[in-house]
Amino acid sequence: MSAVPQNPIVLIPSRLASTRLPDKPLADIHGLPMIVHCLRRAEEAGFARVAVACGDAAIAEAVQAAGGEAVLTDPNHPSGSDRIFEALQRLDPERRHDAVVNFQGDLPAIDPTVIAAALTPLADPAIDIATLATPIVDKHEIDDPNVVKAVLSLAPGATTGRALYFSRRPVPSGEGPLWHHIGIYAYRRAALERFVSLKPSPLEQREKLEQLRALENGMAIAAAVVDTLPLGVDTPADLERIRQVMQKSR
């Protein structure tokens, strides 16, 4: 049997509690809420089912008004992983979906092929969780703690590598590329179930990086290398920039 998931679902965790950009998922971008743009990008990536895991009724209403699928979840979930797990249980109690792509709701201008690429490392049956990385080209990102670095075991010419560590510091040392981690994940269903059952780990708490919980508990993560860094929206300035970028592409 192929290790590649046969029936994945994309789940977009979303809630209104953003301090830097209040009501961020509902921010208007050329007539549509940002969360709806993210929904459209995931649909354009070719997935048969995409849904938004909502922490607030207003988000669900906006998604449903645009013809999308939404499910209300506990607003007090500590992480997006916990939110999508609840959504998965509600949407698919029959366990038809064998993998879950956790796609962030603040990447409205992402190239849909980048979302699809998150599944490719799961072709290896030894991999539990797949994610994405891209080479760091802007030097200011090297020492920026907001830019998470992925340490990858990557053979020459390969486009997928095992993730050995993630850090806010510029690792590894020495000559060679540094990898900017892109926080999109594809979980085998059993891997997501195991991950949310685990307690926060010491390195996770130290680095403030949830994916380290998986590595500390022996779960295998691999990253597909892509050549595009999607623009995220965290601040009013980011929102204005994304509006300008998306206006040019219309």
C-alpha atoms as a PDB file:
ATOM      1  CA  MET A   1       0.000   0.000   0.000  1.00  0.00           C
ATOM      2  CA  SER A   2       1.274   3.473  -0.893  1.00  0.00           C
ATOM      3  CA  ALA A   3       2.509   5.629   1.962  1.00  0.00           C
ATOM      4  CA  VAL A   4       1.181   8.737   0.200  1.00  0.00           C
ATOM      5  CA  PRO A   5      -2.094   9.863   1.822  1.00  0.00           C
ATOM      6  CA  GLN A   6      -5.035   9.062  -0.422  1.00  0.00           C
ATOM      7  CA  ASN A   7      -7.684  11.333   1.090  1.00  0.00           C
ATOM      8  CA  PRO A   8      -6.172  14.351   2.840  1.00  0.00           C
ATOM      9  CA  ILE A   9      -8.159  17.255   4.229  1.00  0.00           C
ATOM     10  CA  VAL A  10      -6.953  20.833   4.680  1.00  0.00           C
ATOM     11  CA  LEU A  11      -7.958  22.433   7.967  1.00  0.00           C
ATOM     12  CA  ILE A  12      -7.358  26.134   8.609  1.00  0.00           C
ATOM     13  CA  PRO A  13      -7.341  27.052  12.312  1.00  0.00           C
ATOM     14  CA  SER A  14      -8.618  30.564  12.880  1.00  0.00           C
ATOM     15  CA  ARG A  15      -9.559  32.763  15.812  1.00  0.00           C
ATOM     16  CA  LEU A  16     -10.043  36.480  16.404  1.00  0.00           C
ATOM     17  CA  ALA A  17      -7.685  36.883  19.381  1.00  0.00           C
ATOM     18  CA  SER A  18      -4.825  38.720  17.673  1.00  0.00           C
ATOM     19  CA  THR A  19      -3.202  41.534  19.632  1.00  0.00           C
ATOM     20  CA  ARG A  20      -1.176  43.078  16.805  1.00  0.00           C
ATOM     21  CA  LEU A  21      -4.020  43.042  14.274  1.00  0.00           C
ATOM     22  CA  PRO A  22      -7.460  42.792  15.918  1.00  0.00           C
ATOM     23  CA  ASP A  23     -10.011  40.617  14.088  1.00  0.00           C
ATOM     24  CA  LYS A  24      -7.277  39.578  11.659  1.00  0.00           C
ATOM     25  CA  PRO A  25      -9.153  36.725   9.912  1.00  0.00           C
ATOM     26  CA  LEU A  26     -11.942  39.144   8.961  1.00  0.00           C
ATOM     27  CA  ALA A  27      -9.648  41.864   7.607  1.00  0.00           C
ATOM     28  CA  ASP A  28     -10.910  43.008   4.213  1.00  0.00           C
ATOM     29  CA  ILE A  29      -8.682  42.328   1.212  1.00  0.00           C
ATOM     30  CA  HIS A  30     -10.299  43.544  -1.987  1.00  0.00           C
ATOM     31  CA  GLY A  31     -13.814  42.741  -0.872  1.00  0.00           C
ATOM     32  CA  LEU A  32     -13.232  39.407   0.856  1.00  0.00           C
ATOM     33  CA  PRO A  33     -12.163  38.542   4.418  1.00  0.00           C
ATOM     34  CA  MET A  34      -8.589  37.304   4.661  1.00  0.00           C
ATOM     35  CA  ILE A  35      -9.746  33.883   5.878  1.00  0.00           C
ATOM     36  CA  VAL A  36     -11.781  33.440   2.681  1.00  0.00           C
ATOM     37  CA  HIS A  37      -8.728  34.225   0.550  1.00  0.00           C
ATOM     38  CA  CYS A  38      -6.843  31.497   2.457  1.00  0.00           C
ATOM     39  CA  LEU A  39      -9.720  29.099   1.883  1.00  0.00           C
ATOM     40  CA  ARG A  40      -9.567  29.832  -1.854  1.00  0.00           C
ATOM     41  CA  ARG A  41      -5.800  29.247  -2.020  1.00  0.00           C
ATOM     42  CA  ALA A  42      -6.214  25.817  -0.401  1.00  0.00           C
ATOM     43  CA  GLU A  43      -9.020  24.934  -2.793  1.00  0.00           C
ATOM     44  CA  GLU A  44      -6.825  26.007  -5.720  1.00  0.00           C
ATOM     45  CA  ALA A  45      -4.122  23.628  -4.448  1.00  0.00           C
ATOM     46  CA  GLY A  46      -6.339  20.755  -5.576  1.00  0.00           C
ATOM     47  CA  PHE A  47      -7.516  19.332  -2.261  1.00  0.00           C
ATOM     48  CA  ALA A  48     -10.943  17.724  -2.363  1.00  0.00           C
ATOM     49  CA  ARG A  49     -11.970  19.059   1.044  1.00  0.00           C
ATOM     50  CA  VAL A  50     -10.999  22.267   2.806  1.00  0.00           C
ATOM     51  CA  ALA A  51     -12.571  23.562   6.009  1.00  0.00           C
ATOM     52  CA  VAL A  52     -11.945  26.302   8.546  1.00  0.00           C
ATOM     53  CA  ALA A  53     -11.667  25.334  12.221  1.00  0.00           C
ATOM     54  CA  CYS A  54     -13.140  28.428  13.843  1.00  0.00           C
ATOM     55  CA  GLY A  55     -12.654  29.685  17.360  1.00  0.00           C
ATOM     56  CA  ASP A  56     -15.339  32.346  16.884  1.00  0.00           C
ATOM     57  CA  ALA A  57     -18.806  32.370  15.324  1.00  0.00           C
ATOM     58  CA  ALA A  58     -18.030  35.492  13.272  1.00  0.00           C
ATOM     59  CA  ILE A  59     -15.334  33.597  11.360  1.00  0.00           C
ATOM     60  CA  ALA A  60     -17.669  30.680  10.671  1.00  0.00           C
ATOM     61  CA  GLU A  61     -20.335  33.073   9.391  1.00  0.00           C
ATOM     62  CA  ALA A  62     -17.872  34.761   7.026  1.00  0.00           C
ATOM     63  CA  VAL A  63     -16.651  31.424   5.649  1.00  0.00           C
ATOM     64  CA  GLN A  64     -20.148  30.035   5.173  1.00  0.00           C
ATOM     65  CA  ALA A  65     -21.315  33.255   3.505  1.00  0.00           C
ATOM     66  CA  ALA A  66     -18.581  32.675   0.925  1.00  0.00           C
ATOM     67  CA  GLY A  67     -19.730  29.100   0.343  1.00  0.00           C
ATOM     68  CA  GLY A  68     -16.985  27.486   2.414  1.00  0.00           C
ATOM     69  CA  GLU A  69     -17.109  24.782   5.064  1.00  0.00           C
ATOM     70  CA  ALA A  70     -16.601  25.833   8.679  1.00  0.00           C
ATOM     71  CA  VAL A  71     -16.808  24.170  12.071  1.00  0.00           C
ATOM     72  CA  LEU A  72     -16.904  25.859  15.465  1.00  0.00           C
ATOM     73  CA  THR A  73     -14.321  24.652  17.978  1.00  0.00           C
ATOM     74  CA  ASP A  74     -13.490  25.399  21.598  1.00  0.00           C
ATOM     75  CA  PRO A  75     -12.217  29.011  21.667  1.00  0.00           C
ATOM     76  CA  ASN A  76      -9.754  28.154  24.449  1.00  0.00           C
ATOM     77  CA  HIS A  77      -7.520  25.707  22.561  1.00  0.00           C
ATOM     78  CA  PRO A  78      -3.841  26.394  23.345  1.00  0.00           C
ATOM     79  CA  SER A  79      -2.688  25.790  19.753  1.00  0.00           C
ATOM     80  CA  GLY A  80      -3.788  25.422  16.168  1.00  0.00           C
ATOM     81  CA  SER A  81      -2.937  21.726  16.328  1.00  0.00           C
ATOM     82  CA  ASP A  82      -5.457  21.176  19.106  1.00  0.00           C
ATOM     83  CA  ARG A  83      -8.026  23.196  17.157  1.00  0.00           C
ATOM     84  CA  ILE A  84      -7.681  21.191  13.954  1.00  0.00           C
ATOM     85  CA  PHE A  85      -7.793  17.924  15.902  1.00  0.00           C
ATOM     86  CA  GLU A  86     -11.165  18.841  17.374  1.00  0.00           C
ATOM     87  CA  ALA A  87     -12.349  19.950  13.925  1.00  0.00           C
ATOM     88  CA  LEU A  88     -11.206  16.670  12.383  1.00  0.00           C
ATOM     89  CA  GLN A  89     -13.141  14.652  14.949  1.00  0.00           C
ATOM     90  CA  ARG A  90     -16.271  16.702  14.325  1.00  0.00           C
ATOM     91  CA  LEU A  91     -16.034  16.699  10.536  1.00  0.00           C
ATOM     92  CA  ASP A  92     -14.839  13.145   9.996  1.00  0.00           C
ATOM     93  CA  PRO A  93     -15.945  10.723  12.737  1.00  0.00           C
ATOM     94  CA  GLU A  94     -15.882   7.936  10.130  1.00  0.00           C
ATOM     95  CA  ARG A  95     -12.110   8.457   9.723  1.00  0.00           C
ATOM     96  CA  ARG A  96     -12.222   8.767   5.943  1.00  0.00           C
ATOM     97  CA  HIS A  97      -9.413  11.328   5.841  1.00  0.00           C
ATOM     98  CA  ASP A  98      -5.994   9.732   6.316  1.00  0.00           C
ATOM     99  CA  ALA A  99      -3.981  12.962   6.543  1.00  0.00           C
ATOM    100  CA  VAL A 100      -4.504  16.543   7.668  1.00  0.00           C
ATOM    101  CA  VAL A 101      -2.823  19.641   6.287  1.00  0.00           C
ATOM    102  CA  ASN A 102      -2.656  22.398   8.891  1.00  0.00           C
ATOM    103  CA  PHE A 103      -2.654  25.582   6.804  1.00  0.00           C
ATOM    104  CA  GLN A 104      -2.380  28.929   8.555  1.00  0.00           C
ATOM    105  CA  GLY A 105      -5.124  31.488   7.988  1.00  0.00           C
ATOM    106  CA  ASP A 106      -2.784  34.450   7.553  1.00  0.00           C
ATOM    107  CA  LEU A 107      -1.204  33.534   4.186  1.00  0.00           C
ATOM    108  CA  PRO A 108      -3.778  34.910   1.725  1.00  0.00           C
ATOM    109  CA  ALA A 109      -1.371  35.392  -1.194  1.00  0.00           C
ATOM    110  CA  ILE A 110       0.407  32.028  -1.012  1.00  0.00           C
ATOM    111  CA  ASP A 111       1.110  30.109  -4.204  1.00  0.00           C
ATOM    112  CA  PRO A 112      -1.280  27.118  -4.015  1.00  0.00           C
ATOM    113  CA  THR A 113       1.482  24.780  -5.216  1.00  0.00           C
ATOM    114  CA  VAL A 114       3.349  25.528  -1.988  1.00  0.00           C
ATOM    115  CA  ILE A 115       0.423  24.214   0.057  1.00  0.00           C
ATOM    116  CA  ALA A 116       0.307  21.060  -2.040  1.00  0.00           C
ATOM    117  CA  ALA A 117       4.061  20.548  -1.591  1.00  0.00           C
ATOM    118  CA  ALA A 118       3.563  20.016   2.143  1.00  0.00           C
ATOM    119  CA  LEU A 119       2.294  16.509   1.439  1.00  0.00           C
ATOM    120  CA  THR A 120       5.293  15.318  -0.585  1.00  0.00           C
ATOM    121  CA  PRO A 121       7.527  14.174   2.326  1.00  0.00           C
ATOM    122  CA  LEU A 122       4.789  11.735   3.384  1.00  0.00           C
ATOM    123  CA  ALA A 123       5.700   9.581   0.378  1.00  0.00           C
ATOM    124  CA  ASP A 124       8.285   8.152   2.785  1.00  0.00           C
ATOM    125  CA  PRO A 125       6.430   5.765   5.137  1.00  0.00           C
ATOM    126  CA  ALA A 126       8.906   6.557   7.924  1.00  0.00           C
ATOM    127  CA  ILE A 127       7.759  10.190   8.105  1.00  0.00           C
ATOM    128  CA  ASP A 128       5.014  11.131  10.561  1.00  0.00           C
ATOM    129  CA  ILE A 129       4.790  14.870   9.925  1.00  0.00           C
ATOM    130  CA  ALA A 130       5.713  16.881   6.848  1.00  0.00           C
ATOM    131  CA  THR A 131       6.437  20.585   6.577  1.00  0.00           C
ATOM    132  CA  LEU A 132       8.169  23.146   4.341  1.00  0.00           C
ATOM    133  CA  ALA A 133      11.362  25.176   4.250  1.00  0.00           C
ATOM    134  CA  THR A 134      12.981  27.676   1.917  1.00  0.00           C
ATOM    135  CA  PRO A 135      16.559  29.039   1.786  1.00  0.00           C
ATOM    136  CA  ILE A 136      17.214  32.194   3.779  1.00  0.00           C
ATOM    137  CA  VAL A 137      18.319  34.882   1.319  1.00  0.00           C
ATOM    138  CA  ASP A 138      17.806  38.062   3.362  1.00  0.00           C
ATOM    139  CA  LYS A 139      20.678  38.432   5.814  1.00  0.00           C
ATOM    140  CA  HIS A 140      18.564  40.240   8.389  1.00  0.00           C
ATOM    141  CA  GLU A 141      16.551  37.032   8.879  1.00  0.00           C
ATOM    142  CA  ILE A 142      19.581  35.116  10.125  1.00  0.00           C
ATOM    143  CA  ASP A 143      19.531  36.699  13.596  1.00  0.00           C
ATOM    144  CA  ASP A 144      15.804  37.469  13.674  1.00  0.00           C
ATOM    145  CA  PRO A 145      14.235  35.283  16.399  1.00  0.00           C
ATOM    146  CA  ASN A 146      10.859  35.600  14.667  1.00  0.00           C
ATOM    147  CA  VAL A 147      12.283  33.637  11.730  1.00  0.00           C
ATOM    148  CA  VAL A 148      12.364  29.980  12.704  1.00  0.00           C
ATOM    149  CA  LYS A 149      15.284  28.012  11.269  1.00  0.00           C
ATOM    150  CA  ALA A 150      14.983  24.359  10.290  1.00  0.00           C
ATOM    151  CA  VAL A 151      18.041  22.123  10.556  1.00  0.00           C
ATOM    152  CA  LEU A 152      17.689  19.674   7.685  1.00  0.00           C
ATOM    153  CA  SER A 153      19.600  16.544   6.757  1.00  0.00           C
ATOM    154  CA  LEU A 154      19.522  17.198   3.033  1.00  0.00           C
ATOM    155  CA  ALA A 155      21.483  15.241   0.449  1.00  0.00           C
ATOM    156  CA  PRO A 156      23.031  17.209  -2.462  1.00  0.00           C
ATOM    157  CA  GLY A 157      20.351  17.906  -5.038  1.00  0.00           C
ATOM    158  CA  ALA A 158      17.540  16.583  -2.853  1.00  0.00           C
ATOM    159  CA  THR A 159      14.333  18.564  -2.389  1.00  0.00           C
ATOM    160  CA  THR A 160      13.191  16.789   0.792  1.00  0.00           C
ATOM    161  CA  GLY A 161      15.183  16.298   3.977  1.00  0.00           C
ATOM    162  CA  ARG A 162      14.718  14.967   7.490  1.00  0.00           C
ATOM    163  CA  ALA A 163      14.252  17.728  10.056  1.00  0.00           C
ATOM    164  CA  LEU A 164      16.713  17.309  12.915  1.00  0.00           C
ATOM    165  CA  TYR A 165      15.905  20.462  14.880  1.00  0.00           C
ATOM    166  CA  PHE A 166      14.164  23.833  14.768  1.00  0.00           C
ATOM    167  CA  SER A 167      15.436  26.983  16.447  1.00  0.00           C
ATOM    168  CA  ARG A 168      15.043  30.731  16.617  1.00  0.00           C
ATOM    169  CA  ARG A 169      18.827  30.959  16.508  1.00  0.00           C
ATOM    170  CA  PRO A 170      20.921  30.695  13.300  1.00  0.00           C
ATOM    171  CA  VAL A 171      21.732  26.982  13.264  1.00  0.00           C
ATOM    172  CA  PRO A 172      23.669  25.020  12.164  1.00  0.00           C
ATOM    173  CA  SER A 173      26.981  26.844  12.331  1.00  0.00           C
ATOM    174  CA  GLY A 174      29.581  26.735   9.574  1.00  0.00           C
ATOM    175  CA  GLU A 175      29.289  27.274   5.840  1.00  0.00           C
ATOM    176  CA  GLY A 176      26.147  26.273   4.010  1.00  0.00           C
ATOM    177  CA  PRO A 177      22.509  27.246   3.601  1.00  0.00           C
ATOM    178  CA  LEU A 178      20.184  28.198   6.414  1.00  0.00           C
ATOM    179  CA  TRP A 179      16.568  27.185   6.060  1.00  0.00           C
ATOM    180  CA  HIS A 180      13.579  29.389   6.846  1.00  0.00           C
ATOM    181  CA  HIS A 181      10.855  27.148   8.242  1.00  0.00           C
ATOM    182  CA  ILE A 182       7.387  27.680   6.781  1.00  0.00           C
ATOM    183  CA  GLY A 183       4.762  26.738   9.343  1.00  0.00           C
ATOM    184  CA  ILE A 184       2.503  24.560   7.228  1.00  0.00           C
ATOM    185  CA  TYR A 185       2.236  20.942   8.375  1.00  0.00           C
ATOM    186  CA  ALA A 186       0.847  17.730   6.947  1.00  0.00           C
ATOM    187  CA  TYR A 187       0.136  15.065   9.554  1.00  0.00           C
ATOM    188  CA  ARG A 188      -0.717  11.450   9.038  1.00  0.00           C
ATOM    189  CA  ARG A 189      -3.934  11.074  10.978  1.00  0.00           C
ATOM    190  CA  ALA A 190      -2.382   8.780  13.576  1.00  0.00           C
ATOM    191  CA  ALA A 191       0.516  11.225  13.988  1.00  0.00           C
ATOM    192  CA  LEU A 192      -1.827  14.126  14.737  1.00  0.00           C
ATOM    193  CA  GLU A 193      -3.703  11.992  17.250  1.00  0.00           C
ATOM    194  CA  ARG A 194      -0.463  11.096  18.993  1.00  0.00           C
ATOM    195  CA  PHE A 195       0.932  14.625  18.867  1.00  0.00           C
ATOM    196  CA  VAL A 196      -2.019  16.294  20.603  1.00  0.00           C
ATOM    197  CA  SER A 197      -1.927  13.607  23.317  1.00  0.00           C
ATOM    198  CA  LEU A 198       1.648  14.533  24.272  1.00  0.00           C
ATOM    199  CA  LYS A 199       2.518  17.022  26.990  1.00  0.00           C
ATOM    200  CA  PRO A 200       4.552  20.132  26.089  1.00  0.00           C
ATOM    201  CA  SER A 201       8.226  19.167  26.068  1.00  0.00           C
ATOM    202  CA  PRO A 202      11.231  20.945  27.617  1.00  0.00           C
ATOM    203  CA  LEU A 203      12.745  22.114  24.327  1.00  0.00           C
ATOM    204  CA  GLU A 204       9.344  23.171  23.044  1.00  0.00           C
ATOM    205  CA  GLN A 205       8.886  25.365  26.089  1.00  0.00           C
ATOM    206  CA  ARG A 206      12.429  26.722  25.871  1.00  0.00           C
ATOM    207  CA  GLU A 207      12.328  27.628  22.175  1.00  0.00           C
ATOM    208  CA  LYS A 208       8.563  28.327  22.080  1.00  0.00           C
ATOM    209  CA  LEU A 209       8.286  25.993  19.084  1.00  0.00           C
ATOM    210  CA  GLU A 210       5.538  23.383  19.168  1.00  0.00           C
ATOM    211  CA  GLN A 211       7.128  21.105  16.575  1.00  0.00           C
ATOM    212  CA  LEU A 212       9.966  20.280  18.978  1.00  0.00           C
ATOM    213  CA  ARG A 213       7.453  18.303  21.034  1.00  0.00           C
ATOM    214  CA  ALA A 214       7.208  15.845  18.153  1.00  0.00           C
ATOM    215  CA  LEU A 215      10.979  15.533  17.752  1.00  0.00           C
ATOM    216  CA  GLU A 216      11.556  15.086  21.486  1.00  0.00           C
ATOM    217  CA  ASN A 217       9.075  12.222  21.481  1.00  0.00           C
ATOM    218  CA  GLY A 218      10.715  10.399  18.594  1.00  0.00           C
ATOM    219  CA  MET A 219       8.327  11.425  15.838  1.00  0.00           C
ATOM    220  CA  ALA A 220       9.858  11.870  12.384  1.00  0.00           C
ATOM    221  CA  ILE A 221       9.496  15.209  10.599  1.00  0.00           C
ATOM    222  CA  ALA A 222      10.672  15.947   7.071  1.00  0.00           C
ATOM    223  CA  ALA A 223      10.578  19.179   5.091  1.00  0.00           C
ATOM    224  CA  ALA A 224      10.064  19.785   1.400  1.00  0.00           C
ATOM    225  CA  VAL A 225      12.191  22.632   0.060  1.00  0.00           C
ATOM    226  CA  VAL A 226      10.291  25.268  -1.903  1.00  0.00           C
ATOM    227  CA  ASP A 227      11.602  28.390  -3.613  1.00  0.00           C
ATOM    228  CA  THR A 228       8.868  30.759  -2.449  1.00  0.00           C
ATOM    229  CA  LEU A 229       8.469  32.352   0.974  1.00  0.00           C
ATOM    230  CA  PRO A 230       4.787  33.204   1.450  1.00  0.00           C
ATOM    231  CA  LEU A 231       3.967  36.618   2.855  1.00  0.00           C
ATOM    232  CA  GLY A 232       2.266  36.404   6.230  1.00  0.00           C
ATOM    233  CA  VAL A 233      -0.009  38.972   7.837  1.00  0.00           C
ATOM    234  CA  ASP A 234       0.601  39.833  11.499  1.00  0.00           C
ATOM    235  CA  THR A 235       0.431  43.641  11.635  1.00  0.00           C
ATOM    236  CA  PRO A 236      -1.472  46.508   9.967  1.00  0.00           C
ATOM    237  CA  ALA A 237       1.646  47.176   7.857  1.00  0.00           C
ATOM    238  CA  ASP A 238       1.666  43.533   6.691  1.00  0.00           C
ATOM    239  CA  LEU A 239      -2.002  43.840   5.764  1.00  0.00           C
ATOM    240  CA  GLU A 240      -1.394  46.918   3.641  1.00  0.00           C
ATOM    241  CA  ARG A 241       1.532  45.242   1.917  1.00  0.00           C
ATOM    242  CA  ILE A 242      -0.511  42.144   1.098  1.00  0.00           C
ATOM    243  CA  ARG A 243      -3.303  44.305  -0.293  1.00  0.00           C
ATOM    244  CA  GLN A 244      -0.824  45.937  -2.641  1.00  0.00           C
ATOM    245  CA  VAL A 245       0.693  42.597  -3.687  1.00  0.00           C
ATOM    246  CA  MET A 246      -2.695  41.048  -4.362  1.00  0.00           C
ATOM    247  CA  GLN A 247      -3.903  44.121  -6.240  1.00  0.00           C
ATOM    248  CA  LYS A 248      -1.032  43.710  -8.695  1.00  0.00           C
ATOM    249  CA  SER A 249      -1.911  40.059  -9.277  1.00  0.00           C
ATOM    250  CA  ARG A 250      -5.612  40.694 -10.005  1.00  0.00           C
END
